Amino acid sequence: MKQAALKPVVQETLKLVGVVENQSRELLAFCRNEQNLSANFSDYKRFVEKMEHFYVFVDLVDGRIPEFDETKQKPLRKHLSKIRWKVTILELDTTRVYLINITRSGRRLPLGSREFLMRRLDRLSEIAQYYDRFGEEHELAPPISEELIESVRQLLKDSIEKAPRLEEFTPAPPPPQLSATPRSVSSPSHNPITPAAGALLPPDMVATRHASSMPSLPAKLNVKEQWGRFFVEKGSIVAVSQACKMAALSLDQLAQRIGVSRVALTLMLSGQDPMPRPAMEKLQQFMMDQARLSQQTELRRRL
């Protein structure tokens, strides 16, 4: 008897399972290379983005499991949970290595690192809750290590204490207005004023420094055209997810807005599938709009 054809959503989801499996192997290879685990905070942030990218795909597959036959749902959910857990343990251990290396380097943490690290601290509770809920049911191994959790928690707390607070970077009062009356070169008032050591910079210089240290939303995604087909740069889903959060929009809603399915959009943003020109143009416009709003919000915050 000929088997019934799989539903399109099931076919797409099976393709996503393959993407999840490949990404887990890539993450494992990345973390095994000690050269990737530097003492640079920006490298640690990029590692976290890789992890978040992976979890987006896992959540996509998990949300589509009810579309499968009931007999296949439980094995697929268990398989997915095991992959997620192995990567989660990898996330914990690699975070520990990054934080140790960053601490030993003695480098000053950048502006915004405190808030970033506090979110990573919240992540530890999420991991513990996930294991409590699915550890026994899905036979997750290795079991959660309280020693590893507490080690990472303490490293995060220590780093948070050392990270600069945003209020430490409040602008200085505006410099005194210079008189329009010409002065002779010999006049002491004509000599340039050298700020004292440790003095805050003028507001215009402070704003420039903030702009270079704060992560900004890209106004345009990198797209390559090959034989009339458009491929978005791999990893663009992180920036798009950030833009969606700012717009209070889900990936499903964004996909509907640009005329594709959520699964298709995720595959396109990972560089797996080409993106139709109309969808690409709408997505670029969405990113441009959100980047402009982000800049306006940042300017209002500084004023």
Foldseek 3Di string as FASTA:
>chain_A
DDDDDQDPLVVLLVVLVVVLVVLLVVLVVQLVPVVLLALDVVSVVVNVLSLVLSVVSLVVSLVCLVSDDPVVSLVVVLVSVQSNLVVVVVNLVSLLSNLVNNVVVVDADFPPVLVVLVVVLVVLVVSVVVCVVCCVVSVHPDRDDPVSSVSSNVSSVVNNVRHDDPVVLAADPADDDDDPDDDDPPDPVNDDDDDDPPDGDHLVVSVVVVVVRDDAQDLFFDWDADPNFIATEASQVSSVCVLCVLVVHDLQRLCVVQPHGSSVVSCRNRRNGTDDPSSNVSSSNSSNVSRVVVVVVVVVVND
